[in-house]
Amino acid sequence: MTTAKDIMHPGARWISWYETLDRAAQVMRDLNVGALPIIDEDERLCGIITDRDIVVGCIALGHDPSQMTCGEMAQGTPRWIDADSDVSQVLDEMTGHQIKRLPVIENKRLVGMISEADLAQHLTDEQMQSFCTSVYTTS
């Protein structure tokens, strides 16, 4: 059985909810990633911030990214998957919620992230086609 831990990108970094969006952008640049999980003061996952969120939800609205926090951008219930979950559960979670990145949790700690690139390396062409159709098709 292939698990989330088998296909994830290990060593994912997170950012605290009180950090500013300009700091989040700097961390993304340094890590060469487009998203960071956000944690609250108890180190619980409370959202995910993407580079697009910063541009569309802050800068394009005339807000200052050095004054707006990641916590202010965190919306909704964050989705995640347990490290021991089967790859079919990963796909169900990502397609069911039309998400492109999924934090992987083990023993209540972030251990990795699964992105489209990770899926592409581990799934069959048919599985990737189904994933892309589900995630990129609006209903």
Protein backbone atom coordinates (compact mmCIF):
# COMPACT_ATOMS: atom_id res chain seq x y z
CA MET A 1 0.00 0.00 0.00
CA THR A 2 1.33 3.41 -0.99
CA THR A 3 0.78 5.96 1.79
CA ALA A 4 0.72 9.74 2.03
CA LYS A 5 4.13 9.57 3.69
CA ASP A 6 5.50 7.66 0.69
CA ILE A 7 4.53 10.35 -1.82
CA MET A 8 4.82 13.55 0.23
CA HIS A 9 7.59 16.09 0.02
CA PRO A 10 9.18 15.71 3.48
CA GLY A 11 10.35 18.49 5.72
CA ALA A 12 7.58 20.96 5.04
CA ARG A 13 7.86 24.28 6.83
CA TRP A 14 5.04 26.19 8.44
CA ILE A 15 4.54 29.81 9.37
CA SER A 16 2.94 31.22 12.51
CA TRP A 17 -0.42 32.92 12.25
CA TYR A 18 1.02 36.18 13.64
CA GLU A 19 3.73 36.48 10.94
CA THR A 20 3.17 39.11 8.26
CA LEU A 21 2.42 38.32 4.64
CA ASP A 22 5.67 39.90 3.46
CA ARG A 23 7.52 37.48 5.77
CA ALA A 24 5.49 34.57 4.37
CA ALA A 25 6.46 35.67 0.84
CA GLN A 26 10.13 35.77 1.84
CA VAL A 27 9.96 32.25 3.32
CA MET A 28 8.21 30.97 0.17
CA ARG A 29 10.92 32.57 -1.97
CA ASP A 30 13.72 31.09 0.14
CA LEU A 31 12.16 27.61 0.07
CA ASN A 32 11.04 27.88 -3.55
CA VAL A 33 7.45 26.92 -2.65
CA GLY A 34 4.08 28.46 -3.40
CA ALA A 35 2.30 27.67 -0.14
CA LEU A 36 2.91 27.41 3.59
CA PRO A 37 0.76 25.82 6.27
CA ILE A 38 -0.24 28.30 8.98
CA ILE A 39 -0.16 27.29 12.65
CA ASP A 40 -1.76 28.98 15.63
CA GLU A 41 -0.24 29.68 19.06
CA ASP A 42 -0.80 26.02 20.04
CA GLU A 43 1.03 24.81 16.90
CA ARG A 44 -2.23 23.52 15.40
CA LEU A 45 -2.86 23.81 11.69
CA CYS A 46 -5.23 26.72 11.12
CA GLY A 47 -4.85 27.35 7.39
CA ILE A 48 -2.62 27.51 4.36
CA ILE A 49 -1.29 30.69 2.75
CA THR A 50 -0.40 30.70 -0.94
CA ASP A 51 1.53 33.17 -3.04
CA ARG A 52 -1.73 33.81 -4.91
CA ASP A 53 -3.53 34.58 -1.63
CA ILE A 54 -0.96 37.29 -0.90
CA VAL A 55 -1.32 38.87 -4.33
CA VAL A 56 -5.10 38.61 -4.75
CA GLY A 57 -6.24 38.88 -1.12
CA CYS A 58 -3.83 41.59 0.01
CA ILE A 59 -1.83 43.49 -2.60
CA ALA A 60 -4.55 43.68 -5.28
CA LEU A 61 -6.94 45.08 -2.67
CA GLY A 62 -4.49 47.83 -1.74
CA HIS A 63 -3.46 46.35 1.61
CA ASP A 64 0.09 46.40 2.94
CA PRO A 65 1.61 42.88 3.22
CA SER A 66 3.94 44.12 5.96
CA GLN A 67 0.88 44.98 8.08
CA MET A 68 -1.42 42.03 7.33
CA THR A 69 -0.86 38.70 9.09
CA CYS A 70 -1.11 35.14 7.87
CA GLY A 71 -3.83 34.57 10.46
CA GLU A 72 -5.94 37.29 8.87
CA MET A 73 -5.74 35.41 5.57
CA ALA A 74 -6.49 31.97 7.04
CA GLN A 75 -10.06 31.11 6.14
CA GLY A 76 -12.18 28.01 6.56
CA THR A 77 -11.19 24.65 7.93
CA PRO A 78 -7.77 23.50 6.74
CA ARG A 79 -7.65 20.10 5.06
CA TRP A 80 -4.90 17.61 5.94
CA ILE A 81 -4.17 13.91 5.75
CA ASP A 82 -2.60 11.44 8.18
CA ALA A 83 0.81 10.15 7.09
CA ASP A 84 -0.42 6.53 7.12
CA SER A 85 -3.40 7.22 4.84
CA ASP A 86 -3.58 5.32 1.57
CA VAL A 87 -2.96 7.25 -1.65
CA SER A 88 -6.61 6.72 -2.59
CA GLN A 89 -7.58 8.67 0.55
CA VAL A 90 -5.15 11.42 -0.48
CA LEU A 91 -6.82 11.65 -3.88
CA ASP A 92 -10.30 11.61 -2.34
CA GLU A 93 -9.38 14.48 0.00
CA MET A 94 -7.75 16.58 -2.71
CA THR A 95 -10.36 16.00 -5.40
CA GLY A 96 -13.29 16.19 -2.99
CA HIS A 97 -12.22 19.66 -1.86
CA GLN A 98 -10.59 20.72 -5.15
CA ILE A 99 -7.25 21.46 -3.51
CA LYS A 100 -3.77 21.29 -5.00
CA ARG A 101 -1.70 21.03 -1.83
CA LEU A 102 -2.27 18.87 1.22
CA PRO A 103 -0.39 18.95 4.53
CA VAL A 104 0.63 15.55 5.92
CA ILE A 105 0.35 15.10 9.69
CA GLU A 106 1.95 12.42 11.87
CA ASN A 107 1.60 12.35 15.66
CA LYS A 108 -0.12 15.76 15.50
CA ARG A 109 2.90 17.33 13.74
CA LEU A 110 3.43 18.51 10.19
CA VAL A 111 5.84 16.12 8.46
CA GLY A 112 5.34 16.99 4.81
CA MET A 113 3.20 18.36 1.99
CA ILE A 114 1.70 16.70 -1.04
CA SER A 115 1.48 18.81 -4.18
CA GLU A 116 0.54 18.16 -7.79
CA ALA A 117 4.22 17.55 -8.56
CA ASP A 118 4.38 14.83 -5.90
CA LEU A 119 1.27 13.18 -7.32
CA ALA A 120 2.67 13.32 -10.86
CA GLN A 121 5.76 11.39 -9.72
CA HIS A 122 3.79 8.60 -8.07
CA LEU A 123 0.46 8.17 -9.86
CA THR A 124 -0.46 6.51 -13.12
CA ASP A 125 -1.43 8.66 -16.08
CA GLU A 126 -5.06 7.65 -15.56
CA GLN A 127 -4.97 8.68 -11.88
CA MET A 128 -3.41 12.04 -12.78
CA GLN A 129 -5.99 12.64 -15.48
CA SER A 130 -8.78 11.93 -13.02
CA PHE A 131 -7.17 14.21 -10.42
CA CYS A 132 -6.75 17.10 -12.87
CA THR A 133 -10.28 16.73 -14.20
CA SER A 134 -11.70 16.80 -10.66
CA VAL A 135 -9.57 19.66 -9.32
CA TYR A 136 -9.54 21.96 -12.35
CA THR A 137 -13.12 21.51 -13.52
CA THR A 138 -15.58 23.94 -11.98
CA SER A 139 -19.10 22.78 -11.38
